Structure formats: structure tokens, C-alpha cells
Amino acid sequence: MEKKNEYIDRLLQNLQSLEAKVSAIKQDESVSFSFFRDAFQKGQEVMRLLHELEMFQIEDMKHQMEKLLLFLSESKLRKPEEEVKSIDPPAAQEEKLAHIRKNAYAEGLALPTYTNPRNTESKKEEASEEFSGVIRSVNDVIQAPPPKLDVKRGLSLNDRFYFQRELFDNDREAMNAMMIRLNAFDNYGDTERYLREKTSWDFKDERVKSFLELLKKGFE
């Protein structure tokens, strides 16, 4: 929580600073080039902080999921043990049967000899196997191999701004959606083929060539 608040405070500071700069030029007849430089730097800083906050949130959710899985596995382990404890020991069962045998209404009835209905040792072994299976499944989730290509991580912050503006009409959501789709491919050939089919880009354009070159490097 403290780390998240730190990111939010830094975001607010940068946004307020950017707002102050924009408000300051409202009455000016012309806008200086230094304004654009400073504003662009602030924008980059905001994007960087948002990305770091996003990654922090993902890690936090991952830790919460680990705790939940561990809690469920421990609950599953405790349940058979509690059931075993709830069964009266053989001595207590024999005492109850002896009391019933003395009851006048029970005279002449052949009562069965008490036998323990549960094998506690086998139950513990089964619970242990279930617990091991749950732990293995947690490790499988945590240690799952990453995708062969992570387009978003392969682009610098400046690259992301540049291609978002030049290839995606400055639509951040459209670019992020495309990044997610491209991550599903495991080779460059299929990635380029998909882009040719699903976009209206001019693949002779230098901007498109630069984007493809970065994708290609991601598979090397």
C-alpha cells in the first residue's frame, strides 16, 4: 500500500506540474519550444510511472494469489485431521457399548464389536499427497515459462510514444491490444504475416520497417 501511494503521489506531482505549465501559456501569443520539450518530458515521466505502477499491481496480485492457494491447501490438509479427531477412540466406544449392553431394553440383542471406521494413517497419507499436488500446481503457475516475445518490454519509452503516434493514430489502447496479440506468436514470420493481414500499413514505409525490425530482434 505504501509503495502504491508513493507512485500515485509522484504521478499527481507530475500531472500538476504539467497542468501548471499548460495554464501558464494560455495567455501567451506564442508558445516557446522549451514548453514542448518540458511537456514531452513530463508526459514521458507520467507514462513511465504508470507502467511501473501497473507492474507493481501485477506483482501484488500474484503474491495475493500465492497466499490464497496456500491457504486453500492448508485448509484441505486440516479437514481430514479434524474429522479423524472427531471420532471417539476405541476405548470410549467400548465404554458406550458396555453401557448399552447393561440397558434392560437391549437385553437379548447381539451387538457388534466396535471397529474403527477410518484408517487414520491412510487418511493422513492421502491428505499429504493432496497437499503435495496443490503445492506443485502453485509452483507450475509461478514458474510458468514467459512468452517467447514480449513486445511491450522490447520497446523503449520513446519507441512506444513514437509508434503509438505514427502507426496507431496516437491510440494507446489500440497499440496495447496489438501488443497482446503479437505476444501470442512464437516466430517472426507468423507475426509479420498477421500484421500484413490485419493492418492497412504501407510495409515499404520506413516507420513500419523500423517497427518490424524491433519485432524481429525480439525473436533472436
C-alpha atoms as a PDB file:
ATOM      1  CA  MET A   1       0.000   0.000   0.000  1.00  0.00           C
ATOM      2  CA  GLU A   2       2.833   2.383   0.903  1.00  0.00           C
ATOM      3  CA  LYS A   3       4.611   1.706  -2.407  1.00  0.00           C
ATOM      4  CA  LYS A   4       1.422   2.220  -4.377  1.00  0.00           C
ATOM      5  CA  ASN A   5       0.753   5.548  -2.639  1.00  0.00           C
ATOM      6  CA  GLU A   6       4.286   6.645  -3.458  1.00  0.00           C
ATOM      7  CA  TYR A   7       3.653   6.051  -7.184  1.00  0.00           C
ATOM      8  CA  ILE A   8       0.325   7.880  -7.001  1.00  0.00           C
ATOM      9  CA  ASP A   9       1.888  10.881  -5.236  1.00  0.00           C
ATOM     10  CA  ARG A  10       4.618  11.115  -7.889  1.00  0.00           C
ATOM     11  CA  LEU A  11       2.020  10.866 -10.656  1.00  0.00           C
ATOM     12  CA  LEU A  12      -0.018  13.665  -9.115  1.00  0.00           C
ATOM     13  CA  GLN A  13       3.063  15.861  -8.798  1.00  0.00           C
ATOM     14  CA  ASN A  14       3.962  15.413 -12.464  1.00  0.00           C
ATOM     15  CA  LEU A  15       0.393  15.939 -13.639  1.00  0.00           C
ATOM     16  CA  GLN A  16       0.031  19.081 -11.526  1.00  0.00           C
ATOM     17  CA  SER A  17       3.341  20.382 -12.855  1.00  0.00           C
ATOM     18  CA  LEU A  18       2.209  19.731 -16.433  1.00  0.00           C
ATOM     19  CA  GLU A  19      -1.131  21.394 -15.751  1.00  0.00           C
ATOM     20  CA  ALA A  20       0.657  24.479 -14.381  1.00  0.00           C
ATOM     21  CA  LYS A  21       2.848  24.734 -17.493  1.00  0.00           C
ATOM     22  CA  VAL A  22      -0.142  24.447 -19.820  1.00  0.00           C
ATOM     23  CA  SER A  23      -2.093  27.050 -17.843  1.00  0.00           C
ATOM     24  CA  ALA A  24       0.905  29.431 -17.944  1.00  0.00           C
ATOM     25  CA  ILE A  25       0.946  29.576 -21.759  1.00  0.00           C
ATOM     26  CA  LYS A  26      -2.793  30.090 -22.087  1.00  0.00           C
ATOM     27  CA  GLN A  27      -2.475  33.868 -22.292  1.00  0.00           C
ATOM     28  CA  ASP A  28       0.725  33.893 -24.366  1.00  0.00           C
ATOM     29  CA  GLU A  29       0.533  34.848 -28.015  1.00  0.00           C
ATOM     30  CA  SER A  30       3.055  32.186 -28.968  1.00  0.00           C
ATOM     31  CA  VAL A  31       4.371  29.028 -27.358  1.00  0.00           C
ATOM     32  CA  SER A  32       8.089  28.538 -26.865  1.00  0.00           C
ATOM     33  CA  PHE A  33       9.841  25.387 -27.967  1.00  0.00           C
ATOM     34  CA  SER A  34      11.071  24.838 -24.425  1.00  0.00           C
ATOM     35  CA  PHE A  35       7.452  24.325 -23.369  1.00  0.00           C
ATOM     36  CA  PHE A  36       7.068  21.414 -25.778  1.00  0.00           C
ATOM     37  CA  ARG A  37      10.327  19.891 -24.596  1.00  0.00           C
ATOM     38  CA  ASP A  38       9.379  20.161 -20.922  1.00  0.00           C
ATOM     39  CA  ALA A  39       5.827  18.973 -21.518  1.00  0.00           C
ATOM     40  CA  PHE A  40       7.033  15.980 -23.500  1.00  0.00           C
ATOM     41  CA  GLN A  41       9.450  15.055 -20.709  1.00  0.00           C
ATOM     42  CA  LYS A  42       6.659  15.302 -18.148  1.00  0.00           C
ATOM     43  CA  GLY A  43       4.458  13.130 -20.322  1.00  0.00           C
ATOM     44  CA  GLN A  44       7.217  10.529 -20.593  1.00  0.00           C
ATOM     45  CA  GLU A  45       7.663  10.542 -16.823  1.00  0.00           C
ATOM     46  CA  VAL A  46       3.912  10.054 -16.314  1.00  0.00           C
ATOM     47  CA  MET A  47       3.904   7.112 -18.756  1.00  0.00           C
ATOM     48  CA  ARG A  48       6.897   5.560 -17.009  1.00  0.00           C
ATOM     49  CA  LEU A  49       5.273   5.855 -13.597  1.00  0.00           C
ATOM     50  CA  LEU A  50       2.023   4.395 -14.904  1.00  0.00           C
ATOM     51  CA  HIS A  51       3.909   1.443 -16.365  1.00  0.00           C
ATOM     52  CA  GLU A  52       5.773   0.838 -13.079  1.00  0.00           C
ATOM     53  CA  LEU A  53       2.525   1.092 -11.116  1.00  0.00           C
ATOM     54  CA  GLU A  54       0.953  -1.427 -13.486  1.00  0.00           C
ATOM     55  CA  MET A  55       3.829  -3.891 -12.975  1.00  0.00           C
ATOM     56  CA  PHE A  56       3.673  -3.358  -9.182  1.00  0.00           C
ATOM     57  CA  GLN A  57      -0.046  -4.141  -9.250  1.00  0.00           C
ATOM     58  CA  ILE A  58       0.564  -7.333 -11.240  1.00  0.00           C
ATOM     59  CA  GLU A  59       3.217  -8.498  -8.747  1.00  0.00           C
ATOM     60  CA  ASP A  60       0.912  -7.695  -5.817  1.00  0.00           C
ATOM     61  CA  MET A  61      -1.918  -9.717  -7.371  1.00  0.00           C
ATOM     62  CA  LYS A  62       0.488 -12.598  -7.949  1.00  0.00           C
ATOM     63  CA  HIS A  63       1.502 -12.599  -4.253  1.00  0.00           C
ATOM     64  CA  GLN A  64      -2.152 -12.476  -3.178  1.00  0.00           C
ATOM     65  CA  MET A  65      -2.905 -15.477  -5.409  1.00  0.00           C
ATOM     66  CA  GLU A  66       0.007 -17.417  -3.872  1.00  0.00           C
ATOM     67  CA  LYS A  67      -1.336 -16.715  -0.370  1.00  0.00           C
ATOM     68  CA  LEU A  68      -4.839 -17.801  -1.383  1.00  0.00           C
ATOM     69  CA  LEU A  69      -3.632 -21.067  -2.902  1.00  0.00           C
ATOM     70  CA  LEU A  70      -1.503 -21.795   0.165  1.00  0.00           C
ATOM     71  CA  PHE A  71      -4.451 -21.064   2.482  1.00  0.00           C
ATOM     72  CA  LEU A  72      -6.721 -23.392   0.481  1.00  0.00           C
ATOM     73  CA  SER A  73      -4.127 -26.163   0.504  1.00  0.00           C
ATOM     74  CA  GLU A  74      -3.641 -25.869   4.284  1.00  0.00           C
ATOM     75  CA  SER A  75      -7.419 -25.916   4.818  1.00  0.00           C
ATOM     76  CA  LYS A  76      -7.687 -29.081   2.737  1.00  0.00           C
ATOM     77  CA  LEU A  77      -4.948 -30.675   4.848  1.00  0.00           C
ATOM     78  CA  ARG A  78      -6.552 -29.734   8.185  1.00  0.00           C
ATOM     79  CA  LYS A  79     -10.017 -31.023   7.297  1.00  0.00           C
ATOM     80  CA  PRO A  80      -9.210 -34.791   7.287  1.00  0.00           C
ATOM     81  CA  GLU A  81      -7.286 -34.429  10.564  1.00  0.00           C
ATOM     82  CA  GLU A  82     -10.276 -32.710  12.230  1.00  0.00           C
ATOM     83  CA  GLU A  83     -12.571 -35.497  11.005  1.00  0.00           C
ATOM     84  CA  VAL A  84     -10.237 -38.092  12.472  1.00  0.00           C
ATOM     85  CA  LYS A  85     -10.141 -36.260  15.848  1.00  0.00           C
ATOM     86  CA  SER A  86     -13.960 -36.124  15.955  1.00  0.00           C
ATOM     87  CA  ILE A  87     -14.170 -39.943  16.045  1.00  0.00           C
ATOM     88  CA  ASP A  88     -14.275 -41.370  19.546  1.00  0.00           C
ATOM     89  CA  PRO A  89     -11.235 -43.534  20.418  1.00  0.00           C
ATOM     90  CA  PRO A  90     -11.837 -47.326  20.655  1.00  0.00           C
ATOM     91  CA  ALA A  91     -11.819 -47.292  24.481  1.00  0.00           C
ATOM     92  CA  ALA A  92     -14.612 -44.701  24.599  1.00  0.00           C
ATOM     93  CA  GLN A  93     -16.632 -46.638  22.020  1.00  0.00           C
ATOM     94  CA  GLU A  94     -16.283 -49.856  24.053  1.00  0.00           C
ATOM     95  CA  GLU A  95     -17.460 -47.993  27.167  1.00  0.00           C
ATOM     96  CA  LYS A  96     -20.573 -46.768  25.367  1.00  0.00           C
ATOM     97  CA  LEU A  97     -21.323 -50.261  24.053  1.00  0.00           C
ATOM     98  CA  ALA A  98     -20.913 -51.722  27.547  1.00  0.00           C
ATOM     99  CA  HIS A  99     -23.406 -49.180  28.863  1.00  0.00           C
ATOM    100  CA  ILE A 100     -25.894 -50.160  26.170  1.00  0.00           C
ATOM    101  CA  ARG A 101     -25.425 -53.862  26.928  1.00  0.00           C
ATOM    102  CA  LYS A 102     -26.453 -53.178  30.550  1.00  0.00           C
ATOM    103  CA  ASN A 103     -29.664 -51.483  29.385  1.00  0.00           C
ATOM    104  CA  ALA A 104     -32.680 -53.673  30.026  1.00  0.00           C
ATOM    105  CA  TYR A 105     -34.174 -52.774  26.675  1.00  0.00           C
ATOM    106  CA  ALA A 106     -31.063 -54.056  24.929  1.00  0.00           C
ATOM    107  CA  GLU A 107     -31.115 -57.493  26.556  1.00  0.00           C
ATOM    108  CA  GLY A 108     -31.053 -60.327  24.084  1.00  0.00           C
ATOM    109  CA  LEU A 109     -29.650 -58.140  21.301  1.00  0.00           C
ATOM    110  CA  ALA A 110     -26.384 -59.194  19.721  1.00  0.00           C
ATOM    111  CA  LEU A 111     -24.378 -56.004  19.485  1.00  0.00           C
ATOM    112  CA  PRO A 112     -21.468 -55.862  17.070  1.00  0.00           C
ATOM    113  CA  THR A 113     -17.926 -55.397  18.327  1.00  0.00           C
ATOM    114  CA  TYR A 114     -16.624 -51.882  17.737  1.00  0.00           C
ATOM    115  CA  THR A 115     -14.226 -51.429  14.853  1.00  0.00           C
ATOM    116  CA  ASN A 116     -12.594 -48.124  13.908  1.00  0.00           C
ATOM    117  CA  PRO A 117     -14.366 -46.999  10.682  1.00  0.00           C
ATOM    118  CA  ARG A 118     -11.354 -44.989   9.495  1.00  0.00           C
ATOM    119  CA  ASN A 119      -7.758 -45.830   8.963  1.00  0.00           C
ATOM    120  CA  THR A 120      -6.145 -42.640  10.221  1.00  0.00           C
ATOM    121  CA  GLU A 121      -2.750 -43.429   8.779  1.00  0.00           C
ATOM    122  CA  SER A 122      -4.083 -43.864   5.241  1.00  0.00           C
ATOM    123  CA  LYS A 123      -6.125 -40.651   5.579  1.00  0.00           C
ATOM    124  CA  LYS A 124      -3.013 -38.704   6.576  1.00  0.00           C
ATOM    125  CA  GLU A 125      -1.092 -40.157   3.620  1.00  0.00           C
ATOM    126  CA  GLU A 126      -3.897 -39.186   1.203  1.00  0.00           C
ATOM    127  CA  ALA A 127      -4.050 -35.662   2.669  1.00  0.00           C
ATOM    128  CA  SER A 128      -0.271 -35.345   2.337  1.00  0.00           C
ATOM    129  CA  GLU A 129      -0.453 -36.405  -1.342  1.00  0.00           C
ATOM    130  CA  GLU A 130      -3.232 -33.867  -1.996  1.00  0.00           C
ATOM    131  CA  PHE A 131      -1.184 -31.146  -0.283  1.00  0.00           C
ATOM    132  CA  SER A 132       1.883 -32.002  -2.408  1.00  0.00           C
ATOM    133  CA  GLY A 133      -0.248 -31.859  -5.551  1.00  0.00           C
ATOM    134  CA  VAL A 134      -1.552 -28.404  -4.627  1.00  0.00           C
ATOM    135  CA  ILE A 135       1.975 -27.102  -3.909  1.00  0.00           C
ATOM    136  CA  ARG A 136       3.202 -28.447  -7.249  1.00  0.00           C
ATOM    137  CA  SER A 137       0.332 -26.702  -9.023  1.00  0.00           C
ATOM    138  CA  VAL A 138       1.289 -23.397  -7.322  1.00  0.00           C
ATOM    139  CA  ASN A 139       4.886 -23.786  -8.485  1.00  0.00           C
ATOM    140  CA  ASP A 140       3.711 -24.574 -12.011  1.00  0.00           C
ATOM    141  CA  VAL A 141       1.740 -21.313 -12.066  1.00  0.00           C
ATOM    142  CA  ILE A 142       4.558 -19.220 -10.602  1.00  0.00           C
ATOM    143  CA  GLN A 143       7.330 -20.751 -12.694  1.00  0.00           C
ATOM    144  CA  ALA A 144       5.424 -20.901 -15.997  1.00  0.00           C
ATOM    145  CA  PRO A 145       7.840 -20.006 -18.831  1.00  0.00           C
ATOM    146  CA  PRO A 146       7.413 -16.486 -20.213  1.00  0.00           C
ATOM    147  CA  PRO A 147       6.259 -15.967 -23.821  1.00  0.00           C
ATOM    148  CA  LYS A 148       8.995 -16.013 -26.467  1.00  0.00           C
ATOM    149  CA  LEU A 149       8.193 -12.417 -27.371  1.00  0.00           C
ATOM    150  CA  ASP A 150       7.271  -9.546 -25.080  1.00  0.00           C
ATOM    151  CA  VAL A 151       6.727  -6.663 -27.478  1.00  0.00           C
ATOM    152  CA  LYS A 152       5.935  -4.075 -24.818  1.00  0.00           C
ATOM    153  CA  ARG A 153       9.129  -4.759 -22.854  1.00  0.00           C
ATOM    154  CA  GLY A 154      11.172  -4.776 -26.051  1.00  0.00           C
ATOM    155  CA  LEU A 155      10.241  -1.165 -26.821  1.00  0.00           C
ATOM    156  CA  SER A 156      11.774   1.785 -25.059  1.00  0.00           C
ATOM    157  CA  LEU A 157       9.526   4.518 -23.747  1.00  0.00           C
ATOM    158  CA  ASN A 158      10.450   6.787 -26.657  1.00  0.00           C
ATOM    159  CA  ASP A 159       9.766   3.962 -29.140  1.00  0.00           C
ATOM    160  CA  ARG A 160       6.340   3.407 -27.650  1.00  0.00           C
ATOM    161  CA  PHE A 161       5.429   7.085 -27.958  1.00  0.00           C
ATOM    162  CA  TYR A 162       6.783   7.194 -31.476  1.00  0.00           C
ATOM    163  CA  PHE A 163       4.995   4.103 -32.845  1.00  0.00           C
ATOM    164  CA  GLN A 164       1.807   4.925 -30.962  1.00  0.00           C
ATOM    165  CA  ARG A 165       1.730   8.276 -32.736  1.00  0.00           C
ATOM    166  CA  GLU A 166       2.917   7.137 -36.169  1.00  0.00           C
ATOM    167  CA  LEU A 167       1.275   3.713 -36.576  1.00  0.00           C
ATOM    168  CA  PHE A 168      -1.704   3.691 -34.206  1.00  0.00           C
ATOM    169  CA  ASP A 169      -3.077   7.243 -34.643  1.00  0.00           C
ATOM    170  CA  ASN A 170      -1.930   8.039 -31.085  1.00  0.00           C
ATOM    171  CA  ASP A 171      -4.415   5.456 -29.739  1.00  0.00           C
ATOM    172  CA  ARG A 172      -2.733   3.876 -26.712  1.00  0.00           C
ATOM    173  CA  GLU A 173      -5.463   1.255 -26.215  1.00  0.00           C
ATOM    174  CA  ALA A 174      -5.229   0.107 -29.847  1.00  0.00           C
ATOM    175  CA  MET A 175      -1.463  -0.233 -29.564  1.00  0.00           C
ATOM    176  CA  ASN A 176      -1.662  -2.188 -26.280  1.00  0.00           C
ATOM    177  CA  ALA A 177      -4.265  -4.535 -27.778  1.00  0.00           C
ATOM    178  CA  MET A 178      -1.992  -5.191 -30.752  1.00  0.00           C
ATOM    179  CA  MET A 179       0.979  -5.841 -28.421  1.00  0.00           C
ATOM    180  CA  ILE A 180      -1.030  -8.503 -26.590  1.00  0.00           C
ATOM    181  CA  ARG A 181      -1.953 -10.243 -29.863  1.00  0.00           C
ATOM    182  CA  LEU A 182       1.631 -10.206 -31.127  1.00  0.00           C
ATOM    183  CA  ASN A 183       2.888 -11.783 -27.888  1.00  0.00           C
ATOM    184  CA  ALA A 184       0.925 -14.933 -28.805  1.00  0.00           C
ATOM    185  CA  PHE A 185       3.217 -15.712 -31.776  1.00  0.00           C
ATOM    186  CA  ASP A 186       6.358 -17.801 -31.379  1.00  0.00           C
ATOM    187  CA  ASN A 187       8.157 -16.786 -34.578  1.00  0.00           C
ATOM    188  CA  TYR A 188       8.716 -13.634 -36.583  1.00  0.00           C
ATOM    189  CA  GLY A 189       7.228 -14.979 -39.842  1.00  0.00           C
ATOM    190  CA  ASP A 190       3.772 -15.513 -38.350  1.00  0.00           C
ATOM    191  CA  THR A 191       3.962 -12.122 -36.636  1.00  0.00           C
ATOM    192  CA  GLU A 192       4.689 -10.237 -39.876  1.00  0.00           C
ATOM    193  CA  ARG A 193       2.032 -12.237 -41.752  1.00  0.00           C
ATOM    194  CA  TYR A 194      -0.563 -11.313 -39.131  1.00  0.00           C
ATOM    195  CA  LEU A 195       0.290  -7.604 -39.376  1.00  0.00           C
ATOM    196  CA  ARG A 196       0.011  -7.679 -43.169  1.00  0.00           C
ATOM    197  CA  GLU A 197      -3.426  -9.288 -42.942  1.00  0.00           C
ATOM    198  CA  LYS A 198      -4.859  -7.223 -40.096  1.00  0.00           C
ATOM    199  CA  THR A 199      -3.474  -3.714 -40.749  1.00  0.00           C
ATOM    200  CA  SER A 200      -3.562  -1.254 -43.626  1.00  0.00           C
ATOM    201  CA  TRP A 201       0.062  -0.197 -43.134  1.00  0.00           C
ATOM    202  CA  ASP A 202       2.402   0.563 -46.010  1.00  0.00           C
ATOM    203  CA  PHE A 203       5.110  -2.032 -45.439  1.00  0.00           C
ATOM    204  CA  LYS A 204       7.544  -0.035 -47.580  1.00  0.00           C
ATOM    205  CA  ASP A 205       7.252   2.873 -45.140  1.00  0.00           C
ATOM    206  CA  GLU A 206      10.375   3.402 -43.013  1.00  0.00           C
ATOM    207  CA  ARG A 207       8.302   3.672 -39.834  1.00  0.00           C
ATOM    208  CA  VAL A 208       6.737   0.260 -40.444  1.00  0.00           C
ATOM    209  CA  LYS A 209      10.137  -1.201 -41.340  1.00  0.00           C
ATOM    210  CA  SER A 210      11.571   0.119 -38.051  1.00  0.00           C
ATOM    211  CA  PHE A 211       8.714  -1.453 -36.082  1.00  0.00           C
ATOM    212  CA  LEU A 212       9.191  -4.806 -37.842  1.00  0.00           C
ATOM    213  CA  GLU A 213      12.929  -4.680 -37.226  1.00  0.00           C
ATOM    214  CA  LEU A 214      12.335  -4.337 -33.467  1.00  0.00           C
ATOM    215  CA  LEU A 215       9.910  -7.288 -33.550  1.00  0.00           C
ATOM    216  CA  LYS A 216      12.449  -9.368 -35.439  1.00  0.00           C
ATOM    217  CA  LYS A 217      15.142  -8.660 -32.839  1.00  0.00           C
ATOM    218  CA  GLY A 218      12.757  -9.852 -30.136  1.00  0.00           C
ATOM    219  CA  PHE A 219      12.813 -13.381 -31.611  1.00  0.00           C
ATOM    220  CA  GLU A 220      16.589 -13.570 -31.964  1.00  0.00           C
END
